Amino acid sequence: MSKLDDISIRQTSAQAIRPLRHSVLRAGLPLEAAVFDGDEEATSRHLAALDQSGKLVGCASIVWRSFNDEPAWQLRGMAIDDGLRGRGIGRLLLSRIELLVLDEGHSSTLWCNARTPAVGFYLAMGWKEFGEEFQVETAGPHYRMVKKLGEGSP
């Protein structure tokens, strides 16, 4: 698998993406650690990136969570298969998330708690850092990132 043309993005269930979420974001913890607050809310959306064989190679979720007391979407659980990072799957997935957010109409603000090593990825996608680095006990150092869609969207 080397071409983005070989990747399809589809809406799915939280349950379908949990194995990848667990292996990338919560390795070494119980499988339940990959169950995130908001996963089963009616307004939540989950996307899967699938290769030609149907194998899950990337995932991301969005949930309604305010940002600075304003309506917003929170990006959660974005993960790309370890062996496939740097090939554009994350960009493809995040671009599709942004379109979904705009289509849903709840808010054009998208935010996340990004792992520190991923900050450069988000900056390249037009996001901005918000605040100082902080620690997530089970996942290490993070920065809060935010993007107002329509302002520098790819």
Protein backbone atom coordinates (compact mmCIF):
# COMPACT_ATOMS: atom_id res chain seq x y z
CA MET A 1 0.00 0.00 0.00
CA SER A 2 1.66 3.16 -1.10
CA LYS A 3 -0.91 5.38 -2.79
CA LEU A 4 -3.64 7.45 -1.18
CA ASP A 5 -5.89 6.36 -4.06
CA ASP A 6 -5.88 2.98 -2.33
CA ILE A 7 -7.44 4.44 0.85
CA SER A 8 -11.16 4.88 1.42
CA ILE A 9 -12.67 6.86 4.28
CA ARG A 10 -15.99 5.70 5.73
CA GLN A 11 -18.17 6.48 8.70
CA THR A 12 -18.28 3.60 11.11
CA SER A 13 -18.91 2.76 14.75
CA ALA A 14 -16.66 3.45 17.73
CA GLN A 15 -16.46 -0.30 18.31
CA ALA A 16 -15.02 -0.87 14.82
CA ILE A 17 -12.09 1.54 15.36
CA ARG A 18 -11.23 0.63 18.96
CA PRO A 19 -8.66 -2.06 18.11
CA LEU A 20 -6.52 0.46 16.15
CA ARG A 21 -7.10 3.16 18.76
CA HIS A 22 -5.92 0.73 21.42
CA SER A 23 -2.81 -0.48 19.58
CA VAL A 24 -1.64 3.04 18.63
CA LEU A 25 -2.87 5.24 21.47
CA ARG A 26 -3.30 2.96 24.47
CA ALA A 27 -0.80 0.11 23.95
CA GLY A 28 -0.03 -1.71 27.17
CA LEU A 29 -3.29 -0.64 28.80
CA PRO A 30 -6.52 -2.66 29.01
CA LEU A 31 -8.71 -2.59 25.88
CA GLU A 32 -11.26 -0.54 27.83
CA ALA A 33 -8.74 2.33 27.81
CA ALA A 34 -9.64 2.80 24.13
CA VAL A 35 -13.28 3.53 25.03
CA PHE A 36 -13.55 7.33 25.06
CA ASP A 37 -16.08 9.58 26.71
CA GLY A 38 -18.70 10.50 24.14
CA ASP A 39 -18.13 7.52 21.83
CA GLU A 40 -21.75 6.42 21.98
CA GLU A 41 -23.42 9.84 21.92
CA ALA A 42 -25.89 10.21 19.05
CA THR A 43 -24.04 13.27 17.73
CA SER A 44 -20.59 11.62 17.69
CA ARG A 45 -19.05 10.57 14.39
CA HIS A 46 -16.34 7.98 13.78
CA LEU A 47 -14.31 7.63 10.61
CA ALA A 48 -12.21 4.72 9.43
CA ALA A 49 -9.46 4.80 6.81
CA LEU A 50 -9.39 1.44 5.01
CA ASP A 51 -6.87 0.05 2.56
CA GLN A 52 -7.89 -1.85 -0.59
CA SER A 53 -8.23 -5.10 1.35
CA GLY A 54 -10.56 -3.45 3.90
CA LYS A 55 -7.93 -3.36 6.65
CA LEU A 56 -8.34 -0.50 9.13
CA VAL A 57 -5.25 1.74 8.75
CA GLY A 58 -6.46 4.97 10.35
CA CYS A 59 -9.28 6.35 12.47
CA ALA A 60 -10.62 9.47 14.11
CA SER A 61 -13.70 10.53 16.02
CA ILE A 62 -15.45 13.82 16.69
CA VAL A 63 -17.74 14.64 19.61
CA TRP A 64 -19.64 17.77 20.57
CA ARG A 65 -17.52 19.42 23.26
CA SER A 66 -17.41 23.15 23.87
CA PHE A 67 -14.21 25.13 23.46
CA ASN A 68 -13.88 28.30 25.55
CA ASP A 69 -17.59 28.06 26.38
CA GLU A 70 -18.53 28.12 22.67
CA PRO A 71 -20.10 25.26 20.65
CA ALA A 72 -17.39 23.11 19.07
CA TRP A 73 -16.35 19.67 17.94
CA GLN A 74 -13.53 17.81 19.66
CA LEU A 75 -11.33 15.55 17.56
CA ARG A 76 -10.52 12.43 19.57
CA GLY A 77 -8.69 9.18 19.05
CA MET A 78 -6.98 9.99 15.77
CA ALA A 79 -4.62 7.12 15.02
CA ILE A 80 -2.69 5.86 12.01
CA ASP A 81 -1.22 2.36 11.76
CA ASP A 82 2.39 2.58 12.99
CA GLY A 83 3.85 1.22 9.77
CA LEU A 84 1.95 3.67 7.55
CA ARG A 85 2.58 7.04 9.20
CA GLY A 86 3.94 9.79 6.99
CA ARG A 87 2.15 8.58 3.85
CA GLY A 88 -0.70 11.11 3.90
CA ILE A 89 -3.39 8.98 5.54
CA GLY A 90 -3.63 11.40 8.48
CA ARG A 91 -4.00 14.38 6.14
CA LEU A 92 -6.70 12.57 4.18
CA LEU A 93 -8.56 11.56 7.34
CA LEU A 94 -8.36 15.02 8.92
CA SER A 95 -9.50 16.71 5.69
CA ARG A 96 -12.54 14.42 5.64
CA ILE A 97 -13.22 15.18 9.32
CA GLU A 98 -13.17 18.90 8.52
CA LEU A 99 -15.69 18.43 5.70
CA LEU A 100 -17.89 16.38 8.00
CA VAL A 101 -17.78 19.10 10.68
CA LEU A 102 -18.82 21.73 8.14
CA ASP A 103 -21.62 19.49 6.83
CA GLU A 104 -22.95 18.78 10.34
CA GLY A 105 -23.40 22.49 11.03
CA HIS A 106 -23.10 22.38 14.86
CA SER A 107 -20.01 24.60 14.85
CA SER A 108 -17.05 25.42 12.62
CA THR A 109 -14.62 25.15 15.55
CA LEU A 110 -12.61 21.95 15.80
CA TRP A 111 -10.20 21.31 18.68
CA CYS A 112 -8.13 18.48 20.09
CA ASN A 113 -5.57 17.50 22.68
CA ALA A 114 -2.64 16.64 20.41
CA ARG A 115 0.30 14.55 21.51
CA THR A 116 3.36 16.79 21.49
CA PRO A 117 5.09 14.84 18.66
CA ALA A 118 1.98 15.41 16.47
CA VAL A 119 1.87 19.21 16.91
CA GLY A 120 3.83 19.80 13.68
CA PHE A 121 1.26 17.76 11.74
CA TYR A 122 -1.61 19.86 13.05
CA LEU A 123 0.25 23.14 12.46
CA ALA A 124 0.84 22.07 8.84
CA MET A 125 -2.91 21.46 8.54
CA GLY A 126 -3.71 25.03 9.64
CA TRP A 127 -4.34 24.40 13.34
CA LYS A 128 -3.04 26.66 16.12
CA GLU A 129 -1.62 25.85 19.54
CA PHE A 130 -3.75 27.01 22.44
CA GLY A 131 -2.04 27.21 25.81
CA GLU A 132 0.93 25.41 27.31
CA GLU A 133 2.01 21.78 27.12
CA PHE A 134 0.26 19.53 29.64
CA GLN A 135 0.47 15.88 30.66
CA VAL A 136 -2.14 13.19 30.06
CA GLU A 137 -1.43 10.44 32.57
CA THR A 138 -1.97 7.55 30.18
CA ALA A 139 -0.58 9.21 27.04
CA GLY A 140 2.21 11.68 27.85
CA PRO A 141 2.69 15.35 26.89
CA HIS A 142 0.02 17.15 24.86
CA TYR A 143 -0.94 20.56 23.54
CA ARG A 144 -4.46 21.82 23.02
CA MET A 145 -4.90 22.70 19.33
CA VAL A 146 -7.76 24.52 17.63
CA LYS A 147 -8.90 25.31 14.12
CA LYS A 148 -11.71 27.55 13.01
CA LEU A 149 -12.77 25.95 9.74
CA GLY A 150 -12.84 28.29 6.82
CA GLU A 151 -9.70 30.02 8.15
CA GLY A 152 -6.78 28.36 6.38
CA SER A 153 -8.54 25.07 5.68
CA PRO A 154 -6.63 22.86 3.25
